[in-house]
N, C-alpha and C. Protein backbone atom coordinates (compact mmCIF):
# COMPACT_ATOMS: atom_id res chain seq x y z
N MET A 1 1.00 -1.21 0.21
CA MET A 1 0.25 0.18 0.08
C MET A 1 0.66 1.44 0.07
N PRO A 2 0.64 2.00 -0.99
CA PRO A 2 1.85 3.39 -0.76
C PRO A 2 1.55 4.37 -0.03
N ILE A 3 2.28 4.85 0.67
CA ILE A 3 1.99 6.27 1.59
C ILE A 3 1.27 7.14 0.96
N GLN A 4 0.25 7.70 1.83
CA GLN A 4 -0.01 8.75 1.26
C GLN A 4 0.35 9.94 1.64
N ASN A 5 0.29 11.07 0.76
CA ASN A 5 0.74 12.49 1.16
C ASN A 5 2.38 12.53 0.66
N GLU A 6 2.91 11.93 0.34
CA GLU A 6 4.22 11.82 0.19
C GLU A 6 4.54 12.67 -1.00
N PRO A 7 5.56 13.57 -1.50
CA PRO A 7 5.88 14.13 -2.70
C PRO A 7 6.39 13.20 -3.48
N GLU A 8 6.19 13.61 -5.01
CA GLU A 8 6.75 12.53 -5.95
C GLU A 8 8.17 12.56 -6.31
N PRO A 9 8.41 11.54 -6.30
CA PRO A 9 9.95 11.77 -6.49
C PRO A 9 10.63 12.52 -7.46
N ASN A 10 11.58 12.79 -7.23
CA ASN A 10 12.37 14.24 -7.78
C ASN A 10 11.00 15.61 -8.25
N ALA A 11 10.41 15.54 -7.43
CA ALA A 11 9.51 16.85 -7.24
C ALA A 11 10.63 18.30 -7.06
N THR A 12 9.81 18.72 -7.53
CA THR A 12 11.06 20.23 -7.37
C THR A 12 10.15 21.79 -7.12
N ALA A 13 11.28 22.46 -6.48
CA ALA A 13 10.24 23.92 -6.44
C ALA A 13 10.98 25.02 -6.53
N THR A 14 10.65 26.31 -6.53
CA THR A 14 11.84 27.01 -6.24
C THR A 14 11.82 28.30 -5.14
N ALA A 15 12.93 28.73 -5.17
CA ALA A 15 12.58 30.10 -4.09
C ALA A 15 13.70 31.43 -4.47
N GLN A 16 13.07 32.79 -5.03
CA GLN A 16 14.59 33.42 -5.11
C GLN A 16 14.05 34.47 -4.39
N LEU A 17 15.95 35.10 -4.38
CA LEU A 17 15.78 36.28 -3.07
C LEU A 17 16.70 37.19 -4.05
N ILE A 18 16.97 38.46 -4.39
CA ILE A 18 17.73 39.41 -4.70
C ILE A 18 17.79 39.90 -3.43
N VAL A 19 19.77 39.62 -3.32
CA VAL A 19 20.62 39.68 -2.36
C VAL A 19 20.92 40.98 -2.35
N GLY A 20 20.74 41.74 -1.04
CA GLY A 20 20.62 42.99 -0.68
C GLY A 20 21.73 42.88 0.27
N PRO A 21 22.49 44.03 0.97
CA PRO A 21 23.65 44.17 1.81
C PRO A 21 23.11 43.20 3.21
N GLU A 22 21.82 43.33 3.82
CA GLU A 22 21.73 42.71 4.68
C GLU A 22 21.71 41.68 4.57
N ASP A 23 21.69 40.46 3.69
CA ASP A 23 21.80 39.10 3.47
C ASP A 23 23.36 38.45 3.21
N LEU A 24 24.25 39.37 3.57
CA LEU A 24 25.20 39.17 3.31
C LEU A 24 26.03 38.69 4.91
N ALA A 25 27.11 37.61 4.86
CA ALA A 25 27.74 37.25 6.42
C ALA A 25 27.92 38.56 6.85
N ASN A 26 28.37 39.27 6.23
CA ASN A 26 28.93 40.25 7.02
C ASN A 26 28.30 41.61 7.33
N SER A 27 26.84 40.98 7.31
CA SER A 27 25.99 42.27 8.27
C SER A 27 25.41 41.27 9.48
N LEU A 28 25.85 40.08 9.57
CA LEU A 28 25.48 39.48 10.90
C LEU A 28 26.07 39.24 11.90
N PRO A 29 27.04 39.96 12.13
CA PRO A 29 27.97 39.88 13.31
C PRO A 29 27.24 39.97 14.49
N ILE A 30 27.58 39.16 15.63
CA ILE A 30 27.19 38.92 16.77
C ILE A 30 27.94 39.46 18.23
N GLU A 31 29.41 39.40 17.91
CA GLU A 31 30.20 39.96 18.80
C GLU A 31 31.22 41.17 18.43
N MET A 32 31.37 41.80 19.05
CA MET A 32 32.70 42.86 18.44
C MET A 32 33.59 41.90 18.02
N GLY A 33 34.37 41.89 17.29
CA GLY A 33 35.61 41.32 17.03
C GLY A 33 35.06 40.11 15.85
N ASP A 34 33.61 40.01 15.84
CA ASP A 34 33.27 39.05 14.48
C ASP A 34 33.72 39.27 12.89
N ALA A 35 34.22 38.78 12.57
CA ALA A 35 34.38 39.37 10.80
C ALA A 35 34.01 37.92 10.17
N PHE A 36 33.71 38.57 9.23
CA PHE A 36 32.94 37.55 7.99
C PHE A 36 33.35 38.55 6.32
N PRO A 37 33.00 37.35 5.36
CA PRO A 37 33.22 38.29 4.27
C PRO A 37 32.17 39.00 3.50
N ALA A 38 31.50 39.80 2.64
CA ALA A 38 30.95 40.49 2.19
C ALA A 38 30.59 39.13 0.99
N VAL A 39 29.63 38.06 1.77
CA VAL A 39 29.34 37.03 0.76
C VAL A 39 27.81 36.41 1.35
N PHE A 40 26.87 35.81 0.59
CA PHE A 40 25.67 35.78 0.77
C PHE A 40 25.90 34.41 2.15
N ALA A 41 25.03 35.17 3.10
CA ALA A 41 25.21 34.33 4.42
C ALA A 41 24.26 32.78 4.30
N THR A 42 25.27 32.16 5.10
CA THR A 42 24.66 30.50 4.87
C THR A 42 23.18 30.32 5.43
N ALA A 43 22.83 31.16 6.77
CA ALA A 43 21.40 31.36 7.24
C ALA A 43 20.44 31.71 6.34
N ARG A 44 20.60 32.51 5.17
CA ARG A 44 19.99 33.29 4.34
C ARG A 44 20.03 31.83 3.41
N MET A 45 20.63 31.36 3.32
CA MET A 45 20.86 29.99 2.13
C MET A 45 20.21 28.84 2.43
N VAL A 46 20.27 28.60 3.69
CA VAL A 46 18.89 27.66 4.76
C VAL A 46 17.87 27.71 4.11
N ALA A 47 17.42 29.46 4.62
CA ALA A 47 15.80 29.57 4.79
C ALA A 47 15.55 29.79 3.30
N LEU A 48 16.14 29.79 2.26
CA LEU A 48 15.56 29.44 0.87
C LEU A 48 15.51 28.22 0.68
N MET A 49 16.15 27.54 0.93
CA MET A 49 16.04 25.85 0.86
C MET A 49 14.78 25.35 1.91
N GLU A 50 14.70 25.78 2.77
CA GLU A 50 13.30 25.75 3.67
C GLU A 50 11.93 26.31 3.02
N ILE A 51 11.73 27.48 2.05
CA ILE A 51 11.08 28.20 1.55
C ILE A 51 10.38 27.12 0.20
N ALA A 52 11.63 26.69 -0.61
CA ALA A 52 11.52 25.85 -1.48
C ALA A 52 11.07 24.31 -1.11
N ALA A 53 11.67 23.92 0.00
CA ALA A 53 11.12 22.40 0.72
C ALA A 53 9.53 22.98 0.62
N SER A 54 9.11 23.80 1.28
CA SER A 54 7.89 23.83 1.73
C SER A 54 6.87 23.95 0.81
N ARG A 55 7.44 24.89 -0.37
CA ARG A 55 6.15 24.56 -1.80
C ARG A 55 6.21 23.49 -1.85
N VAL A 56 7.46 22.23 -2.36
CA VAL A 56 7.39 21.20 -2.61
C VAL A 56 6.23 20.31 -1.59
N LEU A 57 5.60 20.95 -0.91
CA LEU A 57 4.98 19.77 0.08
C LEU A 57 3.65 20.51 0.02
N ARG A 58 3.23 22.02 -0.05
CA ARG A 58 2.22 22.56 0.06
C ARG A 58 0.68 22.14 -0.34
N PRO A 59 0.96 21.32 -1.48
CA PRO A 59 -0.18 20.70 -2.36
C PRO A 59 -0.63 19.86 -1.42
N LEU A 60 0.47 18.92 -0.46
CA LEU A 60 -0.10 17.71 0.20
C LEU A 60 -0.64 17.83 1.38
N LEU A 61 -0.86 19.55 1.95
CA LEU A 61 -1.09 20.03 3.26
C LEU A 61 -2.39 20.28 3.49
N GLY A 62 -3.35 20.03 3.94
CA GLY A 62 -4.48 20.28 4.41
C GLY A 62 -4.80 21.48 4.81
N PRO A 63 -5.96 22.01 5.04
CA PRO A 63 -5.84 23.28 5.82
C PRO A 63 -5.63 23.23 7.05
N GLY A 64 -5.07 24.54 7.35
CA GLY A 64 -4.03 24.94 8.60
C GLY A 64 -2.61 23.96 8.91
N GLU A 65 -2.46 22.60 7.98
CA GLU A 65 -0.89 22.81 7.77
C GLU A 65 -0.14 23.15 7.61
N LEU A 66 0.98 22.75 7.68
CA LEU A 66 2.48 23.85 7.63
C LEU A 66 3.23 22.39 7.80
N SER A 67 4.12 22.91 6.73
CA SER A 67 5.36 21.47 6.29
C SER A 67 6.50 21.64 7.07
N VAL A 68 6.52 22.82 8.31
CA VAL A 68 7.37 22.98 9.51
C VAL A 68 6.73 22.85 10.71
N GLY A 69 7.42 22.05 11.73
CA GLY A 69 6.71 21.62 12.64
C GLY A 69 7.45 22.45 14.31
N VAL A 70 6.70 23.39 14.52
CA VAL A 70 7.21 24.21 15.70
C VAL A 70 6.51 23.57 17.04
N THR A 71 7.45 23.94 18.08
CA THR A 71 6.10 23.51 19.62
C THR A 71 5.88 24.88 20.05
């Protein structure tokens, strides 16, 4: 019996962002002395991946359901 509400193999979705200064690693220092290059921040990249993944799952969700669990 197939599992219900599973994405199709090789399902894809996209998320796009026009990168601005606030999206760069050097805009995220938390403590004095933190130094990062002016490159796209990993945290922003992960957020885009999460958005794309949620878009793959959107058609499988019921009313009020989210693809990301929170407590």
